[in-house]
């Protein structure tokens, strides 16, 4: 069963997570589908931007599917962590502008995914963004740490990582964890407006500037 829907409106790719019943969580098959879709987008050369959203009003993404993961042998857990690292690295260095349209909860691995995006817009009245790894006993990998370091407010990032504190949209916007918090009815339209503006930028130049701002992640990819 597909968990993603990709369409294009003008110069904007809209990638929608459609597995809200499973909280848009990650398994190896889900990551594989993401890679296939992103490879398709990356193979294009025209100026464009990409929105990552969810069709579920409660969940954007809650990260790893822990119910699935506990059914796997213990030795597979480290292998899956490597798959996650590759997934986040691909998003962080994607060769076009990216906008997160956070329709609901972004927890754990889902919140890390949001940190890899160039811009984040969040619903103001419902949903939390949270890094609860300290409470669920899953430490961040070095790659995840580098992705989280992309967030502009280092003190807020530290507090969230070490306490597991969750933020609603308005507080997340005040602390610059997300760029804007908006009413639900305005969220996607604002994401589209931003993406359409970014899609007018020269894609190659934009990507070179973005990747130049992320030297440690570039070194990981090239190393």
C-alpha atoms as a PDB file:
ATOM      1  CA  UNK A   1       0.000   0.000   0.000  1.00  0.00           C
ATOM      2  CA  UNK A   2       1.353   3.398  -0.961  1.00  0.00           C
ATOM      3  CA  UNK A   3       1.849   5.826   1.905  1.00  0.00           C
ATOM      4  CA  UNK A   4       2.689   8.855  -0.230  1.00  0.00           C
ATOM      5  CA  UNK A   5       0.953  10.885  -2.903  1.00  0.00           C
ATOM      6  CA  UNK A   6       2.969  13.111  -5.231  1.00  0.00           C
ATOM      7  CA  UNK A   7       1.429  15.662  -7.521  1.00  0.00           C
ATOM      8  CA  UNK A   8       2.562  18.875  -9.134  1.00  0.00           C
ATOM      9  CA  UNK A   9       0.782  22.197  -9.385  1.00  0.00           C
ATOM     10  CA  UNK A  10       2.674  24.560 -11.663  1.00  0.00           C
ATOM     11  CA  UNK A  11       6.251  24.567 -10.401  1.00  0.00           C
ATOM     12  CA  UNK A  12       5.406  23.150  -6.972  1.00  0.00           C
ATOM     13  CA  UNK A  13       5.600  19.472  -6.070  1.00  0.00           C
ATOM     14  CA  UNK A  14       3.157  18.521  -3.322  1.00  0.00           C
ATOM     15  CA  UNK A  15       4.183  15.382  -1.460  1.00  0.00           C
ATOM     16  CA  UNK A  16       1.426  14.256   0.880  1.00  0.00           C
ATOM     17  CA  UNK A  17       1.815  11.611   3.567  1.00  0.00           C
ATOM     18  CA  UNK A  18      -1.387   9.569   3.415  1.00  0.00           C
ATOM     19  CA  UNK A  19      -0.857   6.999   6.160  1.00  0.00           C
ATOM     20  CA  UNK A  20      -2.396   9.021   8.961  1.00  0.00           C
ATOM     21  CA  UNK A  21      -4.049   5.964  10.491  1.00  0.00           C
ATOM     22  CA  UNK A  22      -0.480   4.829  11.275  1.00  0.00           C
ATOM     23  CA  UNK A  23       0.451   8.400  12.271  1.00  0.00           C
ATOM     24  CA  UNK A  24       2.605   8.644   9.112  1.00  0.00           C
ATOM     25  CA  UNK A  25       5.299   6.640  10.876  1.00  0.00           C
ATOM     26  CA  UNK A  26       8.434   5.183   9.337  1.00  0.00           C
ATOM     27  CA  UNK A  27       9.285   1.583   8.474  1.00  0.00           C
ATOM     28  CA  UNK A  28      11.907   0.362   6.024  1.00  0.00           C
ATOM     29  CA  UNK A  29       9.234   0.091   3.324  1.00  0.00           C
ATOM     30  CA  UNK A  30       8.054   3.643   4.017  1.00  0.00           C
ATOM     31  CA  UNK A  31      11.611   4.971   3.736  1.00  0.00           C
ATOM     32  CA  UNK A  32      12.073   3.078   0.489  1.00  0.00           C
ATOM     33  CA  UNK A  33       8.954   4.702  -0.964  1.00  0.00           C
ATOM     34  CA  UNK A  34      10.184   8.126   0.120  1.00  0.00           C
ATOM     35  CA  UNK A  35      13.517   7.531  -1.613  1.00  0.00           C
ATOM     36  CA  UNK A  36      11.790   6.496  -4.822  1.00  0.00           C
ATOM     37  CA  UNK A  37       9.661   9.640  -4.835  1.00  0.00           C
ATOM     38  CA  UNK A  38      12.562  11.920  -3.966  1.00  0.00           C
ATOM     39  CA  UNK A  39      14.735  10.343  -6.658  1.00  0.00           C
ATOM     40  CA  UNK A  40      11.983  11.184  -9.135  1.00  0.00           C
ATOM     41  CA  UNK A  41      11.886  14.800  -7.993  1.00  0.00           C
ATOM     42  CA  UNK A  42      15.675  15.138  -7.914  1.00  0.00           C
ATOM     43  CA  UNK A  43      15.984  13.813 -11.449  1.00  0.00           C
ATOM     44  CA  UNK A  44      14.201  16.895 -12.804  1.00  0.00           C
ATOM     45  CA  UNK A  45      16.093  20.062 -13.644  1.00  0.00           C
ATOM     46  CA  UNK A  46      13.512  22.828 -14.002  1.00  0.00           C
ATOM     47  CA  UNK A  47      13.068  25.415 -11.273  1.00  0.00           C
ATOM     48  CA  UNK A  48      10.666  24.025  -8.668  1.00  0.00           C
ATOM     49  CA  UNK A  49       9.918  23.707  -4.962  1.00  0.00           C
ATOM     50  CA  UNK A  50       8.458  20.906  -2.837  1.00  0.00           C
ATOM     51  CA  UNK A  51       5.874  20.956  -0.049  1.00  0.00           C
ATOM     52  CA  UNK A  52       5.785  18.051   2.407  1.00  0.00           C
ATOM     53  CA  UNK A  53       2.380  17.787   4.040  1.00  0.00           C
ATOM     54  CA  UNK A  54      -0.088  15.276   5.464  1.00  0.00           C
ATOM     55  CA  UNK A  55      -3.742  14.648   4.679  1.00  0.00           C
ATOM     56  CA  UNK A  56      -4.449  13.919   8.349  1.00  0.00           C
ATOM     57  CA  UNK A  57      -5.668  16.755  10.608  1.00  0.00           C
ATOM     58  CA  UNK A  58      -4.056  15.262  13.727  1.00  0.00           C
ATOM     59  CA  UNK A  59      -0.762  13.755  12.548  1.00  0.00           C
ATOM     60  CA  UNK A  60       1.975  15.134  10.338  1.00  0.00           C
ATOM     61  CA  UNK A  61       4.468  12.443  11.301  1.00  0.00           C
ATOM     62  CA  UNK A  62       5.306  10.711  14.567  1.00  0.00           C
ATOM     63  CA  UNK A  63       8.578   9.231  13.346  1.00  0.00           C
ATOM     64  CA  UNK A  64       9.566   5.588  13.746  1.00  0.00           C
ATOM     65  CA  UNK A  65       6.807   2.989  13.856  1.00  0.00           C
ATOM     66  CA  UNK A  66       7.875   1.562  17.212  1.00  0.00           C
ATOM     67  CA  UNK A  67       5.276  -1.222  17.131  1.00  0.00           C
ATOM     68  CA  UNK A  68       6.851  -2.427  13.899  1.00  0.00           C
ATOM     69  CA  UNK A  69      10.429  -1.961  15.076  1.00  0.00           C
ATOM     70  CA  UNK A  70      10.050  -4.068  18.235  1.00  0.00           C
ATOM     71  CA  UNK A  71       9.089  -7.037  16.056  1.00  0.00           C
ATOM     72  CA  UNK A  72      12.521  -6.904  14.419  1.00  0.00           C
ATOM     73  CA  UNK A  73      15.683  -8.556  15.794  1.00  0.00           C
ATOM     74  CA  UNK A  74      17.734  -6.317  18.060  1.00  0.00           C
ATOM     75  CA  UNK A  75      20.628  -6.297  15.614  1.00  0.00           C
ATOM     76  CA  UNK A  76      18.353  -4.787  12.949  1.00  0.00           C
ATOM     77  CA  UNK A  77      17.763  -1.668  15.037  1.00  0.00           C
ATOM     78  CA  UNK A  78      21.203  -0.258  14.222  1.00  0.00           C
ATOM     79  CA  UNK A  79      20.684  -1.058  10.554  1.00  0.00           C
ATOM     80  CA  UNK A  80      17.403   0.830  10.604  1.00  0.00           C
ATOM     81  CA  UNK A  81      19.114   3.772  12.304  1.00  0.00           C
ATOM     82  CA  UNK A  82      21.486   3.900   9.325  1.00  0.00           C
ATOM     83  CA  UNK A  83      18.517   3.882   6.958  1.00  0.00           C
ATOM     84  CA  UNK A  84      17.021   6.794   8.883  1.00  0.00           C
ATOM     85  CA  UNK A  85      20.301   8.703   8.703  1.00  0.00           C
ATOM     86  CA  UNK A  86      20.383   8.293   4.913  1.00  0.00           C
ATOM     87  CA  UNK A  87      16.748   9.413   4.729  1.00  0.00           C
ATOM     88  CA  UNK A  88      17.339  12.586   6.732  1.00  0.00           C
ATOM     89  CA  UNK A  89      20.513  13.363   4.806  1.00  0.00           C
ATOM     90  CA  UNK A  90      18.655  13.090   1.517  1.00  0.00           C
ATOM     91  CA  UNK A  91      15.988  15.508   2.690  1.00  0.00           C
ATOM     92  CA  UNK A  92      18.492  17.980   4.128  1.00  0.00           C
ATOM     93  CA  UNK A  93      20.436  18.196   0.849  1.00  0.00           C
ATOM     94  CA  UNK A  94      17.556  17.869  -1.606  1.00  0.00           C
ATOM     95  CA  UNK A  95      18.308  19.832  -4.764  1.00  0.00           C
ATOM     96  CA  UNK A  96      15.350  22.223  -4.591  1.00  0.00           C
ATOM     97  CA  UNK A  97      13.575  24.385  -1.981  1.00  0.00           C
ATOM     98  CA  UNK A  98      11.506  22.480   0.587  1.00  0.00           C
ATOM     99  CA  UNK A  99       8.604  23.644   2.748  1.00  0.00           C
ATOM    100  CA  UNK A 100       7.055  21.678   5.598  1.00  0.00           C
ATOM    101  CA  UNK A 101       3.303  22.102   6.021  1.00  0.00           C
ATOM    102  CA  UNK A 102       2.818  20.697   9.533  1.00  0.00           C
ATOM    103  CA  UNK A 103      -0.863  19.815   9.740  1.00  0.00           C
ATOM    104  CA  UNK A 104      -0.614  18.117  13.118  1.00  0.00           C
ATOM    105  CA  UNK A 105       1.781  16.390  15.509  1.00  0.00           C
ATOM    106  CA  UNK A 106       5.453  16.186  14.542  1.00  0.00           C
ATOM    107  CA  UNK A 107       7.073  13.945  17.115  1.00  0.00           C
ATOM    108  CA  UNK A 108      10.478  12.292  17.421  1.00  0.00           C
ATOM    109  CA  UNK A 109      11.654  11.179  13.978  1.00  0.00           C
ATOM    110  CA  UNK A 110       8.894  13.238  12.393  1.00  0.00           C
ATOM    111  CA  UNK A 111      10.167  16.352  14.154  1.00  0.00           C
ATOM    112  CA  UNK A 112      13.694  15.523  13.001  1.00  0.00           C
ATOM    113  CA  UNK A 113      12.365  15.247   9.446  1.00  0.00           C
ATOM    114  CA  UNK A 114      10.831  18.716   9.787  1.00  0.00           C
ATOM    115  CA  UNK A 115      14.215  20.111  10.849  1.00  0.00           C
ATOM    116  CA  UNK A 116      15.772  19.019   7.547  1.00  0.00           C
ATOM    117  CA  UNK A 117      13.354  21.186   5.560  1.00  0.00           C
ATOM    118  CA  UNK A 118      14.256  24.701   4.492  1.00  0.00           C
ATOM    119  CA  UNK A 119      11.072  26.241   5.923  1.00  0.00           C
ATOM    120  CA  UNK A 120       8.445  24.986   8.378  1.00  0.00           C
ATOM    121  CA  UNK A 121       4.871  26.231   8.724  1.00  0.00           C
ATOM    122  CA  UNK A 122       2.725  24.838  11.537  1.00  0.00           C
ATOM    123  CA  UNK A 123      -0.904  24.848  12.495  1.00  0.00           C
ATOM    124  CA  UNK A 124      -1.341  27.254  15.392  1.00  0.00           C
ATOM    125  CA  UNK A 125      -4.320  25.733  17.166  1.00  0.00           C
ATOM    126  CA  UNK A 126      -3.592  22.003  17.186  1.00  0.00           C
ATOM    127  CA  UNK A 127      -0.588  19.718  17.162  1.00  0.00           C
ATOM    128  CA  UNK A 128       2.759  19.567  18.965  1.00  0.00           C
ATOM    129  CA  UNK A 129       6.350  19.481  17.811  1.00  0.00           C
ATOM    130  CA  UNK A 130       8.512  17.467  20.163  1.00  0.00           C
ATOM    131  CA  UNK A 131      11.806  15.587  20.441  1.00  0.00           C
ATOM    132  CA  UNK A 132      10.940  12.984  23.117  1.00  0.00           C
ATOM    133  CA  UNK A 133      13.971  10.751  22.521  1.00  0.00           C
ATOM    134  CA  UNK A 134      15.316  11.423  26.026  1.00  0.00           C
ATOM    135  CA  UNK A 135      12.107   9.945  27.462  1.00  0.00           C
ATOM    136  CA  UNK A 136      11.708   7.006  25.068  1.00  0.00           C
ATOM    137  CA  UNK A 137      15.384   6.047  25.442  1.00  0.00           C
ATOM    138  CA  UNK A 138      16.365   6.415  21.801  1.00  0.00           C
ATOM    139  CA  UNK A 139      19.486   8.596  21.522  1.00  0.00           C
ATOM    140  CA  UNK A 140      20.079  10.803  18.509  1.00  0.00           C
ATOM    141  CA  UNK A 141      22.636   9.629  15.978  1.00  0.00           C
ATOM    142  CA  UNK A 142      25.375  12.091  14.932  1.00  0.00           C
ATOM    143  CA  UNK A 143      23.537  12.647  11.636  1.00  0.00           C
ATOM    144  CA  UNK A 144      20.321  13.443  13.488  1.00  0.00           C
ATOM    145  CA  UNK A 145      22.238  15.879  15.703  1.00  0.00           C
ATOM    146  CA  UNK A 146      23.505  17.686  12.599  1.00  0.00           C
ATOM    147  CA  UNK A 147      19.977  17.893  11.206  1.00  0.00           C
ATOM    148  CA  UNK A 148      18.660  19.328  14.452  1.00  0.00           C
ATOM    149  CA  UNK A 149      21.494  21.857  14.432  1.00  0.00           C
ATOM    150  CA  UNK A 150      19.847  23.360  11.336  1.00  0.00           C
ATOM    151  CA  UNK A 151      17.188  24.852  13.613  1.00  0.00           C
ATOM    152  CA  UNK A 152      18.053  28.521  14.165  1.00  0.00           C
ATOM    153  CA  UNK A 153      17.385  28.793  17.908  1.00  0.00           C
ATOM    154  CA  UNK A 154      20.157  26.764  19.545  1.00  0.00           C
ATOM    155  CA  UNK A 155      18.930  27.303  23.101  1.00  0.00           C
ATOM    156  CA  UNK A 156      15.400  26.164  22.267  1.00  0.00           C
ATOM    157  CA  UNK A 157      16.817  23.178  20.394  1.00  0.00           C
ATOM    158  CA  UNK A 158      18.949  22.248  23.417  1.00  0.00           C
ATOM    159  CA  UNK A 159      15.999  22.538  25.792  1.00  0.00           C
ATOM    160  CA  UNK A 160      13.753  20.425  23.568  1.00  0.00           C
ATOM    161  CA  UNK A 161      16.368  17.717  23.074  1.00  0.00           C
ATOM    162  CA  UNK A 162      17.339  17.419  26.746  1.00  0.00           C
ATOM    163  CA  UNK A 163      13.886  17.747  28.319  1.00  0.00           C
ATOM    164  CA  UNK A 164      11.519  16.312  25.717  1.00  0.00           C
ATOM    165  CA  UNK A 165       9.439  19.490  26.002  1.00  0.00           C
ATOM    166  CA  UNK A 166       6.657  19.778  23.441  1.00  0.00           C
ATOM    167  CA  UNK A 167       5.671  23.018  21.751  1.00  0.00           C
ATOM    168  CA  UNK A 168       2.427  24.132  20.182  1.00  0.00           C
ATOM    169  CA  UNK A 169       2.477  26.106  16.967  1.00  0.00           C
ATOM    170  CA  UNK A 170       2.452  29.599  18.451  1.00  0.00           C
ATOM    171  CA  UNK A 171       5.272  28.887  20.908  1.00  0.00           C
ATOM    172  CA  UNK A 172       7.267  27.045  18.245  1.00  0.00           C
ATOM    173  CA  UNK A 173       6.993  30.101  15.984  1.00  0.00           C
ATOM    174  CA  UNK A 174       8.008  32.452  18.803  1.00  0.00           C
ATOM    175  CA  UNK A 175      11.110  30.319  19.415  1.00  0.00           C
ATOM    176  CA  UNK A 176      11.882  30.046  15.672  1.00  0.00           C
ATOM    177  CA  UNK A 177      11.536  26.258  15.669  1.00  0.00           C
ATOM    178  CA  UNK A 178       9.003  26.852  12.906  1.00  0.00           C
ATOM    179  CA  UNK A 179       8.858  29.910  10.667  1.00  0.00           C
ATOM    180  CA  UNK A 180       5.145  30.627  11.028  1.00  0.00           C
ATOM    181  CA  UNK A 181       2.080  29.354  12.886  1.00  0.00           C
ATOM    182  CA  UNK A 182      -1.230  29.785  11.096  1.00  0.00           C
ATOM    183  CA  UNK A 183      -4.917  28.896  11.395  1.00  0.00           C
ATOM    184  CA  UNK A 184      -5.714  25.504   9.885  1.00  0.00           C
ATOM    185  CA  UNK A 185      -7.699  27.052   7.050  1.00  0.00           C
ATOM    186  CA  UNK A 186      -4.735  29.235   6.014  1.00  0.00           C
ATOM    187  CA  UNK A 187      -1.892  26.770   6.483  1.00  0.00           C
ATOM    188  CA  UNK A 188      -1.692  25.067   3.097  1.00  0.00           C
ATOM    189  CA  UNK A 189      -2.385  28.255   1.131  1.00  0.00           C
ATOM    190  CA  UNK A 190       0.496  29.986   2.902  1.00  0.00           C
ATOM    191  CA  UNK A 191       2.759  26.987   2.259  1.00  0.00           C
ATOM    192  CA  UNK A 192       1.823  27.123  -1.416  1.00  0.00           C
ATOM    193  CA  UNK A 193       2.445  30.866  -1.558  1.00  0.00           C
ATOM    194  CA  UNK A 194       5.913  30.408  -0.059  1.00  0.00           C
ATOM    195  CA  UNK A 195       6.713  27.437  -2.296  1.00  0.00           C
ATOM    196  CA  UNK A 196       5.623  29.308  -5.416  1.00  0.00           C
ATOM    197  CA  UNK A 197       7.951  32.176  -4.524  1.00  0.00           C
ATOM    198  CA  UNK A 198      10.859  29.799  -3.891  1.00  0.00           C
ATOM    199  CA  UNK A 199      10.165  27.935  -7.126  1.00  0.00           C
ATOM    200  CA  UNK A 200      11.073  31.089  -9.023  1.00  0.00           C
ATOM    201  CA  UNK A 201      14.665  30.907  -7.756  1.00  0.00           C
ATOM    202  CA  UNK A 202      17.334  29.368  -9.951  1.00  0.00           C
ATOM    203  CA  UNK A 203      17.356  25.803  -8.690  1.00  0.00           C
ATOM    204  CA  UNK A 204      21.079  25.167  -9.098  1.00  0.00           C
ATOM    205  CA  UNK A 205      22.062  28.401  -7.383  1.00  0.00           C
ATOM    206  CA  UNK A 206      19.581  27.837  -4.546  1.00  0.00           C
ATOM    207  CA  UNK A 207      20.896  24.319  -3.964  1.00  0.00           C
ATOM    208  CA  UNK A 208      24.516  25.465  -3.938  1.00  0.00           C
ATOM    209  CA  UNK A 209      23.710  28.158  -1.375  1.00  0.00           C
ATOM    210  CA  UNK A 210      21.677  25.770   0.798  1.00  0.00           C
ATOM    211  CA  UNK A 211      24.286  23.048   0.729  1.00  0.00           C
ATOM    212  CA  UNK A 212      27.016  25.591   1.415  1.00  0.00           C
ATOM    213  CA  UNK A 213      25.170  26.430   4.627  1.00  0.00           C
ATOM    214  CA  UNK A 214      25.256  22.743   5.614  1.00  0.00           C
ATOM    215  CA  UNK A 215      28.944  21.791   5.264  1.00  0.00           C
ATOM    216  CA  UNK A 216      28.920  19.010   7.861  1.00  0.00           C
ATOM    217  CA  UNK A 217      26.025  17.268   6.141  1.00  0.00           C
ATOM    218  CA  UNK A 218      27.717  17.717   2.767  1.00  0.00           C
ATOM    219  CA  UNK A 219      30.848  16.129   4.191  1.00  0.00           C
ATOM    220  CA  UNK A 220      28.786  13.158   5.364  1.00  0.00           C
ATOM    221  CA  UNK A 221      27.274  12.688   1.939  1.00  0.00           C
ATOM    222  CA  UNK A 222      30.598  13.034   0.154  1.00  0.00           C
ATOM    223  CA  UNK A 223      32.544  10.955   2.641  1.00  0.00           C
END
